[in-house]
All heavy atoms as atom14 arrays in JSON, in Angstrom:
{
  "sequence": "QKARHGFRLTARERRRRNDVESRERELAEGHPEFRFVGIVTVTAGTE",
  "atom14_mask": [
    [1, 1, 1, 1, 1, 1, 1, 1, 1, 0, 0, 0, 0, 0],
    [1, 1, 1, 1, 1, 1, 1, 1, 1, 0, 0, 0, 0, 0],
    [1, 1, 1, 1, 1, 0, 0, 0, 0, 0, 0, 0, 0, 0],
    [1, 1, 1, 1, 1, 1, 1, 1, 1, 1, 1, 0, 0, 0],
    [1, 1, 1, 1, 1, 1, 1, 1, 1, 1, 0, 0, 0, 0],
    [1, 1, 1, 1, 0, 0, 0, 0, 0, 0, 0, 0, 0, 0],
    [1, 1, 1, 1, 1, 1, 1, 1, 1, 1, 1, 0, 0, 0],
    [1, 1, 1, 1, 1, 1, 1, 1, 1, 1, 1, 0, 0, 0],
    [1, 1, 1, 1, 1, 1, 1, 1, 0, 0, 0, 0, 0, 0],
    [1, 1, 1, 1, 1, 1, 1, 0, 0, 0, 0, 0, 0, 0],
    [1, 1, 1, 1, 1, 0, 0, 0, 0, 0, 0, 0, 0, 0],
    [1, 1, 1, 1, 1, 1, 1, 1, 1, 1, 1, 0, 0, 0],
    [1, 1, 1, 1, 1, 1, 1, 1, 1, 0, 0, 0, 0, 0],
    [1, 1, 1, 1, 1, 1, 1, 1, 1, 1, 1, 0, 0, 0],
    [1, 1, 1, 1, 1, 1, 1, 1, 1, 1, 1, 0, 0, 0],
    [1, 1, 1, 1, 1, 1, 1, 1, 1, 1, 1, 0, 0, 0],
    [1, 1, 1, 1, 1, 1, 1, 1, 1, 1, 1, 0, 0, 0],
    [1, 1, 1, 1, 1, 1, 1, 1, 0, 0, 0, 0, 0, 0],
    [1, 1, 1, 1, 1, 1, 1, 1, 0, 0, 0, 0, 0, 0],
    [1, 1, 1, 1, 1, 1, 1, 0, 0, 0, 0, 0, 0, 0],
    [1, 1, 1, 1, 1, 1, 1, 1, 1, 0, 0, 0, 0, 0],
    [1, 1, 1, 1, 1, 1, 0, 0, 0, 0, 0, 0, 0, 0],
    [1, 1, 1, 1, 1, 1, 1, 1, 1, 1, 1, 0, 0, 0],
    [1, 1, 1, 1, 1, 1, 1, 1, 1, 0, 0, 0, 0, 0],
    [1, 1, 1, 1, 1, 1, 1, 1, 1, 1, 1, 0, 0, 0],
    [1, 1, 1, 1, 1, 1, 1, 1, 1, 0, 0, 0, 0, 0],
    [1, 1, 1, 1, 1, 1, 1, 1, 0, 0, 0, 0, 0, 0],
    [1, 1, 1, 1, 1, 0, 0, 0, 0, 0, 0, 0, 0, 0],
    [1, 1, 1, 1, 1, 1, 1, 1, 1, 0, 0, 0, 0, 0],
    [1, 1, 1, 1, 0, 0, 0, 0, 0, 0, 0, 0, 0, 0],
    [1, 1, 1, 1, 1, 1, 1, 1, 1, 1, 0, 0, 0, 0],
    [1, 1, 1, 1, 1, 1, 1, 0, 0, 0, 0, 0, 0, 0],
    [1, 1, 1, 1, 1, 1, 1, 1, 1, 0, 0, 0, 0, 0],
    [1, 1, 1, 1, 1, 1, 1, 1, 1, 1, 1, 0, 0, 0],
    [1, 1, 1, 1, 1, 1, 1, 1, 1, 1, 1, 0, 0, 0],
    [1, 1, 1, 1, 1, 1, 1, 1, 1, 1, 1, 0, 0, 0],
    [1, 1, 1, 1, 1, 1, 1, 0, 0, 0, 0, 0, 0, 0],
    [1, 1, 1, 1, 0, 0, 0, 0, 0, 0, 0, 0, 0, 0],
    [1, 1, 1, 1, 1, 1, 1, 1, 0, 0, 0, 0, 0, 0],
    [1, 1, 1, 1, 1, 1, 1, 0, 0, 0, 0, 0, 0, 0],
    [1, 1, 1, 1, 1, 1, 1, 0, 0, 0, 0, 0, 0, 0],
    [1, 1, 1, 1, 1, 1, 1, 0, 0, 0, 0, 0, 0, 0],
    [1, 1, 1, 1, 1, 1, 1, 0, 0, 0, 0, 0, 0, 0],
    [1, 1, 1, 1, 1, 0, 0, 0, 0, 0, 0, 0, 0, 0],
    [1, 1, 1, 1, 0, 0, 0, 0, 0, 0, 0, 0, 0, 0],
    [1, 1, 1, 1, 1, 1, 1, 0, 0, 0, 0, 0, 0, 0],
    [1, 1, 1, 1, 1, 1, 1, 1, 1, 0, 0, 0, 0, 0]
  ],
  "atom14_positions": [
    [[38.88, 33.35, 42.62], [38.78, 34.55, 41.77], [37.33, 34.97, 41.61], [37.01, 36.16, 41.67], [39.42, 34.27, 40.41], [39.52, 35.49, 39.51], [40.18, 35.16, 38.19], [40.19, 34.02, 37.76], [40.75, 36.16, 37.54], [0.0, 0.0, 0.0], [0.0, 0.0, 0.0], [0.0, 0.0, 0.0], [0.0, 0.0, 0.0], [0.0, 0.0, 0.0]],
    [[36.45, 34.02, 41.43], [35.02, 34.34, 41.3], [34.47, 34.91, 42.6], [33.65, 35.84, 42.58], [34.24, 33.09, 40.9], [34.37, 32.72, 39.44], [33.34, 31.68, 39.05], [33.31, 31.49, 37.54], [32.24, 30.56, 37.12], [0.0, 0.0, 0.0], [0.0, 0.0, 0.0], [0.0, 0.0, 0.0], [0.0, 0.0, 0.0], [0.0, 0.0, 0.0]],
    [[34.9, 34.36, 43.73], [34.41, 34.85, 45.01], [34.85, 36.3, 45.24], [34.07, 37.11, 45.76], [34.92, 33.95, 46.13], [0.0, 0.0, 0.0], [0.0, 0.0, 0.0], [0.0, 0.0, 0.0], [0.0, 0.0, 0.0], [0.0, 0.0, 0.0], [0.0, 0.0, 0.0], [0.0, 0.0, 0.0], [0.0, 0.0, 0.0], [0.0, 0.0, 0.0]],
    [[36.09, 36.63, 44.84], [36.56, 38.0, 45.02], [35.77, 38.99, 44.17], [35.6, 40.15, 44.56], [38.04, 38.08, 44.66], [38.97, 37.44, 45.7], [40.41, 37.93, 45.51], [40.88, 37.65, 44.17], [41.54, 36.53, 43.83], [41.77, 35.61, 44.75], [41.97, 36.36, 42.6], [0.0, 0.0, 0.0], [0.0, 0.0, 0.0], [0.0, 0.0, 0.0]],
    [[35.3, 38.55, 43.02], [34.56, 39.45, 42.13], [33.06, 39.33, 42.3], [32.29, 39.91, 41.51], [34.93, 39.15, 40.67], [36.34, 39.54, 40.32], [37.42, 38.72, 40.59], [36.85, 40.66, 39.73], [38.54, 39.3, 40.16], [38.22, 40.48, 39.64], [0.0, 0.0, 0.0], [0.0, 0.0, 0.0], [0.0, 0.0, 0.0], [0.0, 0.0, 0.0]],
    [[32.62, 38.59, 43.3], [31.19, 38.54, 43.6], [30.38, 37.57, 42.77], [29.15, 37.66, 42.76], [0.0, 0.0, 0.0], [0.0, 0.0, 0.0], [0.0, 0.0, 0.0], [0.0, 0.0, 0.0], [0.0, 0.0, 0.0], [0.0, 0.0, 0.0], [0.0, 0.0, 0.0], [0.0, 0.0, 0.0], [0.0, 0.0, 0.0], [0.0, 0.0, 0.0]],
    [[31.03, 36.64, 42.06], [30.31, 35.64, 41.28], [30.03, 34.42, 42.16], [30.88, 33.99, 42.94], [31.13, 35.21, 40.06], [31.3, 36.28, 39.02], [32.45, 37.07, 39.0], [30.32, 36.51, 38.08], [32.61, 38.05, 38.05], [30.47, 37.5, 37.12], [31.63, 38.28, 37.11], [0.0, 0.0, 0.0], [0.0, 0.0, 0.0], [0.0, 0.0, 0.0]],
    [[28.84, 33.86, 42.02], [28.49, 32.66, 42.78], [28.9, 31.4, 42.0], [29.0, 31.42, 40.77], [26.99, 32.59, 43.06], [26.13, 32.49, 41.82], [24.65, 32.36, 42.18], [24.4, 31.11, 42.86], [24.1, 29.98, 42.22], [24.02, 29.95, 40.92], [23.86, 28.89, 42.92], [0.0, 0.0, 0.0], [0.0, 0.0, 0.0], [0.0, 0.0, 0.0]],
    [[29.16, 30.36, 42.73], [29.51, 29.09, 42.11], [28.25, 28.35, 41.72], [27.28, 28.29, 42.48], [30.34, 28.23, 43.07], [31.69, 28.79, 43.5], [32.38, 27.82, 44.45], [32.57, 29.05, 42.29], [0.0, 0.0, 0.0], [0.0, 0.0, 0.0], [0.0, 0.0, 0.0], [0.0, 0.0, 0.0], [0.0, 0.0, 0.0], [0.0, 0.0, 0.0]],
    [[28.26, 27.77, 40.52], [27.12, 26.99, 40.07], [27.22, 25.56, 40.6], [28.27, 25.11, 41.07], [27.06, 26.96, 38.54], [28.23, 26.28, 38.04], [27.03, 28.37, 37.97], [0.0, 0.0, 0.0], [0.0, 0.0, 0.0], [0.0, 0.0, 0.0], [0.0, 0.0, 0.0], [0.0, 0.0, 0.0], [0.0, 0.0, 0.0], [0.0, 0.0, 0.0]],
    [[26.11, 24.84, 40.49], [26.09, 23.45, 40.94], [27.06, 22.6, 40.12], [27.7, 21.68, 40.64], [24.67, 22.89, 40.85], [0.0, 0.0, 0.0], [0.0, 0.0, 0.0], [0.0, 0.0, 0.0], [0.0, 0.0, 0.0], [0.0, 0.0, 0.0], [0.0, 0.0, 0.0], [0.0, 0.0, 0.0], [0.0, 0.0, 0.0], [0.0, 0.0, 0.0]],
    [[27.18, 22.91, 38.83], [28.09, 22.14, 37.99], [29.54, 22.38, 38.39], [30.36, 21.45, 38.37], [27.89, 22.51, 36.52], [28.76, 21.69, 35.58], [28.48, 21.98, 34.13], [29.32, 21.13, 33.28], [29.32, 21.2, 31.95], [28.54, 22.06, 31.33], [30.11, 20.41, 31.25], [0.0, 0.0, 0.0], [0.0, 0.0, 0.0], [0.0, 0.0, 0.0]],
    [[29.87, 23.61, 38.77], [31.25, 23.9, 39.19], [31.58, 23.18, 40.49], [32.69, 22.68, 40.68], [31.43, 25.41, 39.35], [31.45, 26.16, 38.02], [31.44, 27.66, 38.21], [30.9, 28.12, 39.24], [31.96, 28.37, 37.33], [0.0, 0.0, 0.0], [0.0, 0.0, 0.0], [0.0, 0.0, 0.0], [0.0, 0.0, 0.0], [0.0, 0.0, 0.0]],
    [[30.61, 23.11, 41.4], [30.85, 22.37, 42.64], [31.0, 20.88, 42.36], [31.84, 20.2, 42.96], [29.71, 22.62, 43.62], [29.68, 24.04, 44.18], [28.73, 24.16, 45.34], [27.34, 23.96, 44.92], [26.52, 24.93, 44.53], [26.97, 26.18, 44.5], [25.28, 24.68, 44.18], [0.0, 0.0, 0.0], [0.0, 0.0, 0.0], [0.0, 0.0, 0.0]],
    [[30.19, 20.37, 41.44], [30.31, 18.96, 41.11], [31.66, 18.67, 40.43], [32.27, 17.64, 40.66], [29.17, 18.53, 40.18], [29.37, 17.13, 39.63], [28.26, 16.67, 38.75], [28.63, 15.39, 38.15], [27.78, 14.59, 37.53], [26.51, 14.92, 37.44], [28.19, 13.45, 37.0], [0.0, 0.0, 0.0], [0.0, 0.0, 0.0], [0.0, 0.0, 0.0]],
    [[32.12, 19.59, 39.59], [33.39, 19.39, 38.9], [34.53, 19.27, 39.91], [35.42, 18.44, 39.77], [33.64, 20.56, 37.95], [34.81, 20.37, 37.01], [34.92, 21.56, 36.08], [33.68, 21.77, 35.36], [33.35, 22.92, 34.77], [34.17, 23.96, 34.84], [32.21, 23.04, 34.13], [0.0, 0.0, 0.0], [0.0, 0.0, 0.0], [0.0, 0.0, 0.0]],
    [[34.47, 20.07, 40.96], [35.5, 19.97, 41.99], [35.42, 18.62, 42.7], [36.46, 17.98, 42.95], [35.34, 21.11, 43.0], [36.32, 21.0, 44.16], [36.28, 22.23, 45.03], [37.19, 22.09, 46.17], [37.51, 23.08, 46.97], [37.0, 24.29, 46.77], [38.34, 22.89, 47.98], [0.0, 0.0, 0.0], [0.0, 0.0, 0.0], [0.0, 0.0, 0.0]],
    [[34.21, 18.17, 43.0], [34.07, 16.86, 43.64], [34.58, 15.74, 42.74], [35.19, 14.77, 43.22], [32.6, 16.62, 44.01], [32.1, 17.58, 45.07], [32.88, 18.08, 45.89], [30.8, 17.82, 45.08], [0.0, 0.0, 0.0], [0.0, 0.0, 0.0], [0.0, 0.0, 0.0], [0.0, 0.0, 0.0], [0.0, 0.0, 0.0], [0.0, 0.0, 0.0]],
    [[34.33, 15.87, 41.42], [34.8, 14.85, 40.48], [36.34, 14.78, 40.48], [36.93, 13.69, 40.46], [34.29, 15.15, 39.07], [32.79, 14.91, 38.94], [32.24, 14.17, 39.79], [32.19, 15.44, 37.99], [0.0, 0.0, 0.0], [0.0, 0.0, 0.0], [0.0, 0.0, 0.0], [0.0, 0.0, 0.0], [0.0, 0.0, 0.0], [0.0, 0.0, 0.0]],
    [[36.99, 15.94, 40.49], [38.45, 15.95, 40.47], [39.01, 15.4, 41.78], [40.02, 14.68, 41.79], [38.98, 17.37, 40.19], [40.5, 17.4, 40.23], [38.49, 17.85, 38.83], [0.0, 0.0, 0.0], [0.0, 0.0, 0.0], [0.0, 0.0, 0.0], [0.0, 0.0, 0.0], [0.0, 0.0, 0.0], [0.0, 0.0, 0.0], [0.0, 0.0, 0.0]],
    [[38.37, 15.71, 42.87], [38.81, 15.16, 44.15], [38.67, 13.64, 44.17], [39.55, 12.93, 44.68], [38.03, 15.8, 45.29], [38.38, 17.27, 45.53], [37.53, 17.9, 46.6], [36.48, 17.31, 46.94], [37.89, 18.98, 47.1], [0.0, 0.0, 0.0], [0.0, 0.0, 0.0], [0.0, 0.0, 0.0], [0.0, 0.0, 0.0], [0.0, 0.0, 0.0]],
    [[37.57, 13.13, 43.6], [37.38, 11.68, 43.52], [38.43, 11.05, 42.61], [38.97, 9.97, 42.9], [35.98, 11.35, 42.99], [34.98, 11.85, 43.86], [0.0, 0.0, 0.0], [0.0, 0.0, 0.0], [0.0, 0.0, 0.0], [0.0, 0.0, 0.0], [0.0, 0.0, 0.0], [0.0, 0.0, 0.0], [0.0, 0.0, 0.0], [0.0, 0.0, 0.0]],
    [[38.74, 11.73, 41.51], [39.77, 11.24, 40.59], [41.12, 11.18, 41.28], [41.86, 10.2, 41.15], [39.82, 12.16, 39.37], [40.98, 11.91, 38.43], [41.01, 13.02, 37.4], [42.22, 13.01, 36.6], [42.61, 14.03, 35.83], [41.87, 15.13, 35.78], [43.72, 13.94, 35.13], [0.0, 0.0, 0.0], [0.0, 0.0, 0.0], [0.0, 0.0, 0.0]],
    [[41.46, 12.22, 42.04], [42.74, 12.24, 42.75], [42.81, 11.13, 43.78], [43.85, 10.47, 43.95], [42.93, 13.6, 43.41], [44.31, 13.82, 44.0], [44.45, 15.19, 44.62], [43.45, 15.68, 45.19], [45.55, 15.78, 44.55], [0.0, 0.0, 0.0], [0.0, 0.0, 0.0], [0.0, 0.0, 0.0], [0.0, 0.0, 0.0], [0.0, 0.0, 0.0]],
    [[41.69, 10.87, 44.45], [41.66, 9.8, 45.44], [41.82, 8.43, 44.79], [42.55, 7.56, 45.29], [40.35, 9.88, 46.23], [40.23, 8.84, 47.34], [39.02, 9.11, 48.21], [37.78, 9.12, 47.46], [37.09, 10.22, 47.15], [37.54, 11.41, 47.52], [35.97, 10.15, 46.46], [0.0, 0.0, 0.0], [0.0, 0.0, 0.0], [0.0, 0.0, 0.0]],
    [[41.17, 8.21, 43.64], [41.28, 6.93, 42.95], [42.7, 6.69, 42.44], [43.21, 5.57, 42.48], [40.29, 6.88, 41.79], [38.83, 6.83, 42.23], [37.87, 6.98, 41.07], [38.36, 7.22, 39.93], [36.65, 6.87, 41.27], [0.0, 0.0, 0.0], [0.0, 0.0, 0.0], [0.0, 0.0, 0.0], [0.0, 0.0, 0.0], [0.0, 0.0, 0.0]],
    [[43.34, 7.75, 41.96], [44.73, 7.6, 41.51], [45.65, 7.27, 42.68], [46.59, 6.47, 42.55], [45.19, 8.89, 40.82], [44.56, 9.18, 39.46], [44.92, 10.58, 39.0], [45.01, 8.16, 38.42], [0.0, 0.0, 0.0], [0.0, 0.0, 0.0], [0.0, 0.0, 0.0], [0.0, 0.0, 0.0], [0.0, 0.0, 0.0], [0.0, 0.0, 0.0]],
    [[45.38, 7.87, 43.83], [46.18, 7.57, 45.01], [46.02, 6.11, 45.43], [46.94, 5.52, 46.02], [45.8, 8.5, 46.16], [0.0, 0.0, 0.0], [0.0, 0.0, 0.0], [0.0, 0.0, 0.0], [0.0, 0.0, 0.0], [0.0, 0.0, 0.0], [0.0, 0.0, 0.0], [0.0, 0.0, 0.0], [0.0, 0.0, 0.0], [0.0, 0.0, 0.0]],
    [[44.86, 5.52, 45.13], [44.63, 4.11, 45.45], [45.21, 3.17, 44.41], [45.16, 1.95, 44.59], [43.12, 3.87, 45.59], [42.49, 4.61, 46.77], [40.98, 4.51, 46.76], [40.44, 3.96, 45.76], [40.34, 4.96, 47.73], [0.0, 0.0, 0.0], [0.0, 0.0, 0.0], [0.0, 0.0, 0.0], [0.0, 0.0, 0.0], [0.0, 0.0, 0.0]],
    [[45.73, 3.71, 43.29], [46.4, 2.88, 42.29], [45.56, 2.53, 41.08], [45.98, 1.71, 40.26], [0.0, 0.0, 0.0], [0.0, 0.0, 0.0], [0.0, 0.0, 0.0], [0.0, 0.0, 0.0], [0.0, 0.0, 0.0], [0.0, 0.0, 0.0], [0.0, 0.0, 0.0], [0.0, 0.0, 0.0], [0.0, 0.0, 0.0], [0.0, 0.0, 0.0]],
    [[44.38, 3.13, 40.9], [43.56, 2.84, 39.74], [44.14, 3.52, 38.5], [44.52, 4.7, 38.55], [42.12, 3.31, 39.95], [41.41, 2.6, 41.06], [40.92, 1.33, 40.92], [41.13, 2.98, 42.34], [40.35, 0.95, 42.05], [40.47, 1.94, 42.94], [0.0, 0.0, 0.0], [0.0, 0.0, 0.0], [0.0, 0.0, 0.0], [0.0, 0.0, 0.0]],
    [[44.25, 2.82, 37.37], [44.79, 3.44, 36.15], [43.82, 4.44, 35.55], [42.61, 4.38, 35.81], [45.0, 2.25, 35.21], [43.98, 1.24, 35.66], [43.87, 1.41, 37.15], [0.0, 0.0, 0.0], [0.0, 0.0, 0.0], [0.0, 0.0, 0.0], [0.0, 0.0, 0.0], [0.0, 0.0, 0.0], [0.0, 0.0, 0.0], [0.0, 0.0, 0.0]],
    [[44.34, 5.35, 34.76], [43.51, 6.38, 34.12], [43.68, 6.32, 32.62], [44.78, 6.13, 32.1], [43.87, 7.76, 34.64], [43.06, 8.88, 33.98], [43.35, 10.25, 34.58], [42.8, 10.54, 35.66], [44.12, 11.01, 33.97], [0.0, 0.0, 0.0], [0.0, 0.0, 0.0], [0.0, 0.0, 0.0], [0.0, 0.0, 0.0], [0.0, 0.0, 0.0]],
    [[42.56, 6.51, 31.91], [42.55, 6.61, 30.46], [41.81, 7.88, 30.07], [40.68, 8.11, 30.54], [41.84, 5.4, 29.82], [42.64, 4.13, 29.85], [42.71, 3.38, 31.01], [43.3, 3.68, 28.73], [43.43, 2.21, 31.06], [44.03, 2.5, 28.76], [44.09, 1.76, 29.93], [0.0, 0.0, 0.0], [0.0, 0.0, 0.0], [0.0, 0.0, 0.0]],
    [[42.43, 8.71, 29.26], [41.65, 9.78, 28.61], [40.84, 9.15, 27.49], [41.28, 8.2, 26.85], [42.58, 10.85, 28.04], [43.45, 11.56, 29.07], [44.1, 12.77, 28.43], [45.07, 13.4, 29.32], [46.38, 13.23, 29.23], [46.88, 12.46, 28.27], [47.19, 13.84, 30.06], [0.0, 0.0, 0.0], [0.0, 0.0, 0.0], [0.0, 0.0, 0.0]],
    [[39.69, 9.69, 27.22], [38.86, 9.09, 26.19], [38.03, 10.17, 25.5], [37.73, 11.22, 26.07], [37.94, 8.01, 26.77], [37.05, 8.49, 27.89], [35.77, 8.96, 27.64], [37.5, 8.46, 29.2], [34.97, 9.4, 28.67], [36.7, 8.89, 30.24], [35.43, 9.36, 29.98], [0.0, 0.0, 0.0], [0.0, 0.0, 0.0], [0.0, 0.0, 0.0]],
    [[37.7, 9.89, 24.26], [36.84, 10.76, 23.47], [35.98, 9.88, 22.59], [36.4, 8.78, 22.18], [37.69, 11.74, 22.62], [38.5, 11.01, 21.58], [36.81, 12.79, 21.95], [0.0, 0.0, 0.0], [0.0, 0.0, 0.0], [0.0, 0.0, 0.0], [0.0, 0.0, 0.0], [0.0, 0.0, 0.0], [0.0, 0.0, 0.0], [0.0, 0.0, 0.0]],
    [[34.75, 10.29, 22.34], [33.82, 9.5, 21.54], [33.39, 10.25, 20.28], [33.16, 11.46, 20.3], [0.0, 0.0, 0.0], [0.0, 0.0, 0.0], [0.0, 0.0, 0.0], [0.0, 0.0, 0.0], [0.0, 0.0, 0.0], [0.0, 0.0, 0.0], [0.0, 0.0, 0.0], [0.0, 0.0, 0.0], [0.0, 0.0, 0.0], [0.0, 0.0, 0.0]],
    [[33.31, 9.52, 19.17], [32.87, 10.06, 17.89], [31.85, 9.11, 17.29], [32.05, 7.89, 17.31], [34.05, 10.23, 16.91], [35.15, 11.08, 17.53], [33.6, 10.85, 15.58], [36.46, 11.06, 16.76], [0.0, 0.0, 0.0], [0.0, 0.0, 0.0], [0.0, 0.0, 0.0], [0.0, 0.0, 0.0], [0.0, 0.0, 0.0], [0.0, 0.0, 0.0]],
    [[30.76, 9.64, 16.79], [29.71, 8.85, 16.15], [29.55, 9.35, 14.72], [29.32, 10.55, 14.51], [28.37, 8.94, 16.9], [27.3, 8.12, 16.2], [28.54, 8.47, 18.35], [0.0, 0.0, 0.0], [0.0, 0.0, 0.0], [0.0, 0.0, 0.0], [0.0, 0.0, 0.0], [0.0, 0.0, 0.0], [0.0, 0.0, 0.0], [0.0, 0.0, 0.0]],
    [[29.69, 8.46, 13.75], [29.6, 8.81, 12.33], [28.43, 8.06, 11.72], [28.35, 6.83, 11.82], [30.9, 8.47, 11.59], [31.98, 9.16, 12.19], [30.8, 8.87, 10.12], [0.0, 0.0, 0.0], [0.0, 0.0, 0.0], [0.0, 0.0, 0.0], [0.0, 0.0, 0.0], [0.0, 0.0, 0.0], [0.0, 0.0, 0.0], [0.0, 0.0, 0.0]],
    [[27.53, 8.8, 11.07], [26.35, 8.23, 10.42], [26.58, 8.27, 8.92], [27.09, 9.26, 8.38], [25.08, 9.02, 10.8], [23.84, 8.32, 10.26], [24.98, 9.19, 12.31], [0.0, 0.0, 0.0], [0.0, 0.0, 0.0], [0.0, 0.0, 0.0], [0.0, 0.0, 0.0], [0.0, 0.0, 0.0], [0.0, 0.0, 0.0], [0.0, 0.0, 0.0]],
    [[26.18, 7.21, 8.22], [26.43, 7.08, 6.79], [25.14, 6.73, 6.07], [24.34, 5.92, 6.57], [27.48, 5.99, 6.51], [28.66, 6.27, 7.27], [27.84, 5.93, 5.04], [0.0, 0.0, 0.0], [0.0, 0.0, 0.0], [0.0, 0.0, 0.0], [0.0, 0.0, 0.0], [0.0, 0.0, 0.0], [0.0, 0.0, 0.0], [0.0, 0.0, 0.0]],
    [[24.93, 7.33, 4.91], [23.73, 7.03, 4.11], [24.06, 7.27, 2.64], [25.07, 7.88, 2.29], [22.54, 7.89, 4.54], [0.0, 0.0, 0.0], [0.0, 0.0, 0.0], [0.0, 0.0, 0.0], [0.0, 0.0, 0.0], [0.0, 0.0, 0.0], [0.0, 0.0, 0.0], [0.0, 0.0, 0.0], [0.0, 0.0, 0.0], [0.0, 0.0, 0.0]],
    [[23.15, 6.78, 1.76], [23.38, 6.89, 0.33], [22.92, 8.19, -0.27], [23.38, 8.56, -1.36], [0.0, 0.0, 0.0], [0.0, 0.0, 0.0], [0.0, 0.0, 0.0], [0.0, 0.0, 0.0], [0.0, 0.0, 0.0], [0.0, 0.0, 0.0], [0.0, 0.0, 0.0], [0.0, 0.0, 0.0], [0.0, 0.0, 0.0], [0.0, 0.0, 0.0]],
    [[22.02, 8.92, 0.41], [21.53, 10.21, -0.08], [21.49, 11.19, 1.07], [21.54, 10.8, 2.25], [20.13, 10.08, -0.69], [19.19, 9.68, 0.34], [20.1, 9.04, -1.81], [0.0, 0.0, 0.0], [0.0, 0.0, 0.0], [0.0, 0.0, 0.0], [0.0, 0.0, 0.0], [0.0, 0.0, 0.0], [0.0, 0.0, 0.0], [0.0, 0.0, 0.0]],
    [[21.37, 12.47, 0.74], [21.33, 13.49, 1.79], [20.07, 13.38, 2.62], [20.1, 13.56, 3.84], [21.44, 14.88, 1.15], [22.78, 15.14, 0.49], [22.91, 16.57, 0.0], [23.17, 17.46, 0.82], [22.74, 16.78, -1.22], [0.0, 0.0, 0.0], [0.0, 0.0, 0.0], [0.0, 0.0, 0.0], [0.0, 0.0, 0.0], [0.0, 0.0, 0.0]]
  ]
}
């Protein structure tokens, strides 16, 4: 869609495609997958 409208692909978009291809290949080899998210909470006694 971007190519039809004259938009160029960024380096991050090309890397994202390579990452998904690597992920698909690893799944085909039988490696398990986990979705993950990280949260960091800081605590103090005063503002």
